[in-house]
Protein backbone atom coordinates (compact mmCIF):
# COMPACT_ATOMS: atom_id res chain seq x y z
CA MET A 1 -18.99 15.71 -7.46
CA GLY A 2 -15.90 17.87 -7.83
CA LEU A 3 -12.54 16.45 -8.70
CA ILE A 4 -10.90 17.67 -5.49
CA ARG A 5 -13.63 16.12 -3.35
CA THR A 6 -13.41 12.84 -5.26
CA VAL A 7 -9.63 12.65 -4.91
CA GLY A 8 -9.84 13.74 -1.27
CA ARG A 9 -12.29 10.96 -0.43
CA GLY A 10 -9.99 8.51 -2.15
CA ALA A 11 -6.95 9.78 -0.24
CA ILE A 12 -8.75 9.35 3.08
CA ALA A 13 -9.95 5.89 2.04
CA GLY A 14 -6.39 4.98 1.00
CA ALA A 15 -5.00 6.08 4.37
CA ILE A 16 -7.60 4.12 6.33
CA ALA A 17 -7.09 1.10 4.07
CA THR A 18 -3.31 1.29 4.56
CA ALA A 19 -3.85 1.23 8.33
CA ALA A 20 -6.14 -1.80 7.94
CA MET A 21 -3.56 -3.64 5.83
CA ASP A 22 -0.88 -2.81 8.37
CA ALA A 23 -3.11 -4.23 11.11
CA VAL A 24 -3.28 -7.51 9.16
CA TRP A 25 0.49 -7.60 8.76
CA TYR A 26 1.11 -6.68 12.41
CA ARG A 27 -1.24 -9.40 13.65
CA ARG A 28 0.67 -11.92 11.53
CA TYR A 29 3.98 -10.54 12.81
CA ARG A 30 2.89 -11.02 16.42
CA ALA A 31 1.43 -14.47 15.72
CA GLY A 32 4.81 -15.42 14.25
CA GLY A 33 6.61 -14.46 17.46
CA GLY A 34 7.38 -10.80 16.76
CA GLN A 35 7.89 -8.79 19.94
CA ASP A 36 8.02 -5.15 18.85
CA PRO A 37 5.11 -3.01 20.02
CA PHE A 38 2.92 -1.65 17.27
CA PRO A 39 4.48 1.86 17.07
CA THR A 40 8.01 0.44 16.75
CA TRP A 41 6.85 -2.02 14.11
CA GLU A 42 4.64 0.46 12.23
CA PHE A 43 7.24 3.19 12.03
CA SER A 44 10.00 0.79 10.95
CA ALA A 45 12.15 1.83 13.90
CA SER A 46 14.22 -1.33 13.53
CA ALA A 47 15.14 -0.63 9.87
CA SER A 48 18.89 -0.19 9.84
CA GLY A 49 19.63 0.62 6.22
CA PHE A 50 18.71 0.25 2.57
CA GLY A 51 20.27 -3.16 1.90
CA ASP A 52 18.61 -6.20 0.37
CA ASP A 53 16.89 -6.96 3.70
CA ALA A 54 15.28 -3.50 3.88
CA PRO A 55 11.52 -3.27 3.30
CA ALA A 56 10.54 -2.75 -0.32
CA PRO A 57 9.16 0.79 0.19
CA ALA A 58 12.48 1.88 1.74
CA ARG A 59 14.37 0.50 -1.24
CA VAL A 60 12.01 2.22 -3.68
CA GLY A 61 12.47 5.51 -1.83
CA LYS A 62 16.24 5.08 -1.91
CA ARG A 63 16.11 4.39 -5.65
CA ILE A 64 14.04 7.55 -6.21
CA ALA A 65 16.37 9.63 -4.02
CA ASP A 66 19.44 8.32 -5.85
CA THR A 67 17.85 9.13 -9.21
CA ALA A 68 17.10 12.66 -7.99
CA GLY A 69 20.66 13.06 -6.70
CA ILE A 70 19.59 13.10 -3.06
CA GLU A 71 21.81 11.20 -0.64
CA LEU A 72 20.01 9.30 2.10
CA ALA A 73 21.87 8.08 5.17
CA ASP A 74 21.16 4.53 6.36
CA ASP A 75 19.39 5.86 9.43
CA ALA A 76 16.74 7.37 7.12
CA ALA A 77 15.55 3.90 6.05
CA GLY A 78 12.69 3.73 8.54
CA ALA A 79 11.34 7.17 7.69
CA THR A 80 11.78 6.54 3.97
CA ASN A 81 9.93 3.23 4.28
CA ASN A 82 7.00 4.91 5.99
CA VAL A 83 6.75 7.84 3.62
CA VAL A 84 6.79 5.62 0.53
CA HIS A 85 4.47 3.01 2.08
CA TRP A 86 1.83 5.51 3.18
CA MET A 87 2.05 7.64 0.05
CA THR A 88 1.62 4.51 -2.07
CA GLY A 89 -1.51 3.51 -0.16
CA ILE A 90 -2.90 7.05 -0.35
CA GLY A 91 -2.04 7.20 -4.05
CA TRP A 92 -3.95 3.99 -4.76
CA GLY A 93 -6.82 5.47 -2.75
CA LYS A 94 -6.85 8.57 -4.96
CA LEU A 95 -7.03 6.35 -8.04
CA ALA A 96 -9.86 4.33 -6.50
CA GLY A 97 -11.70 7.54 -5.63
CA LEU A 98 -11.43 8.70 -9.22
CA ALA A 99 -12.46 5.27 -10.50
CA THR A 100 -15.64 5.31 -8.41
CA ALA A 101 -16.63 8.51 -10.20
CA VAL A 102 -16.32 7.04 -13.69
CA LEU A 103 -16.75 3.27 -13.50
CA PRO A 104 -20.17 1.62 -13.32
CA PHE A 105 -19.22 -0.54 -10.32
CA PRO A 106 -20.08 -0.14 -6.66
CA PRO A 107 -17.26 1.41 -4.57
CA LEU A 108 -16.67 -1.91 -2.79
CA VAL A 109 -15.95 -3.65 -6.10
CA THR A 110 -13.72 -0.77 -7.17
CA GLY A 111 -11.86 -0.89 -3.85
CA VAL A 112 -11.23 -4.63 -4.00
CA GLY A 113 -10.20 -4.33 -7.65
CA THR A 114 -7.78 -1.58 -6.70
CA GLY A 115 -6.27 -3.76 -3.96
CA VAL A 116 -5.73 -6.62 -6.39
CA THR A 117 -4.28 -4.21 -8.95
CA ALA A 118 -1.89 -2.76 -6.35
CA TRP A 119 -0.75 -6.29 -5.46
CA ALA A 120 -0.17 -7.33 -9.07
CA THR A 121 1.50 -4.05 -9.97
CA SER A 122 3.91 -4.35 -7.07
CA TYR A 123 5.15 -7.71 -8.34
CA ALA A 124 5.40 -6.46 -11.92
CA VAL A 125 7.16 -3.17 -11.15
CA LEU A 126 9.28 -4.22 -8.17
CA GLY A 127 10.24 -7.45 -9.92
CA HIS A 128 11.40 -5.44 -12.91
CA LEU A 129 13.42 -3.14 -10.63
CA GLY A 130 15.08 -6.08 -8.87
CA ILE A 131 13.52 -5.21 -5.53
CA TYR A 132 11.26 -8.26 -5.70
CA LYS A 133 12.06 -11.57 -7.31
CA PRO A 134 10.01 -12.47 -10.39
CA ILE A 135 6.51 -13.49 -9.23
CA ASN A 136 7.00 -17.10 -10.38
CA GLU A 137 9.86 -17.49 -7.88
CA TYR A 138 7.58 -17.01 -4.87
CA ASP A 139 5.72 -19.87 -3.23
CA ARG A 140 1.92 -19.88 -3.05
CA GLU A 141 1.86 -19.20 0.69
CA THR A 142 3.90 -16.01 0.32
CA LEU A 143 1.79 -14.79 -2.59
CA TRP A 144 -1.44 -15.59 -0.74
CA LYS A 145 -0.32 -13.74 2.41
CA ASP A 146 0.51 -10.69 0.34
CA LEU A 147 -2.63 -10.89 -1.80
CA SER A 148 -4.89 -11.38 1.23
CA ALA A 149 -3.39 -8.29 2.91
CA HIS A 150 -4.07 -6.34 -0.29
CA LEU A 151 -7.63 -7.71 -0.34
CA ALA A 152 -8.08 -6.32 3.17
CA PHE A 153 -6.67 -3.02 1.88
CA GLY A 154 -9.07 -2.97 -1.07
CA ALA A 155 -12.14 -4.07 0.87
CA THR A 156 -11.51 -1.46 3.55
CA MET A 157 -11.04 1.18 0.88
CA GLY A 158 -14.29 0.14 -0.77
CA VAL A 159 -16.21 0.30 2.50
CA VAL A 160 -14.81 3.75 3.30
CA LEU A 161 -15.67 4.99 -0.18
CA THR A 162 -19.18 3.56 0.17
CA VAL A 163 -19.71 5.24 3.55
CA ALA A 164 -18.29 8.49 2.12
CA GLY A 165 -20.89 8.40 -0.62
CA ALA A 166 -18.45 7.87 -3.47
CA GLY A 167 -19.56 6.44 -6.74
CA ARG A 168 -21.33 7.52 -9.85
CA ARG A 169 -24.78 8.90 -9.40
CA ARG A 170 -27.19 7.10 -11.64
CA SER A 171 -30.44 8.62 -12.80
């Protein structure tokens, strides 16, 4: 299978998996009393700036923009959050797509492994950047909620990659 096709399948799987993870988070938001309709919630319409209470993807995007010398107004927080969030999910999907072409595991295993890797990497990288606290400062419930959402992300990605026919062809 060609590289572009492999990466393309992964990108599509990453996008669908990101939507699945967001569905998990939105269901939890509503169960916890959240009132925003899905589009308002999904597109971070209530994000008002890049402060410490801003979603992590918005803060990462702001950090990247600052490093590149690009000034972002506070009203760009919602859009920045969405761009970084979706591009991260699609990026992990591309990596999973490539991994299915070279690793001897079924796409479902690769997808779930990618979800767990994305979860662990976020705590390592974002903790180092000061966007997250160190992982040992979070309680088990918080870590489990985040990990389980990433497991949904990975499992969905694995299913999509399986349906798309990804994976090494064995003779």
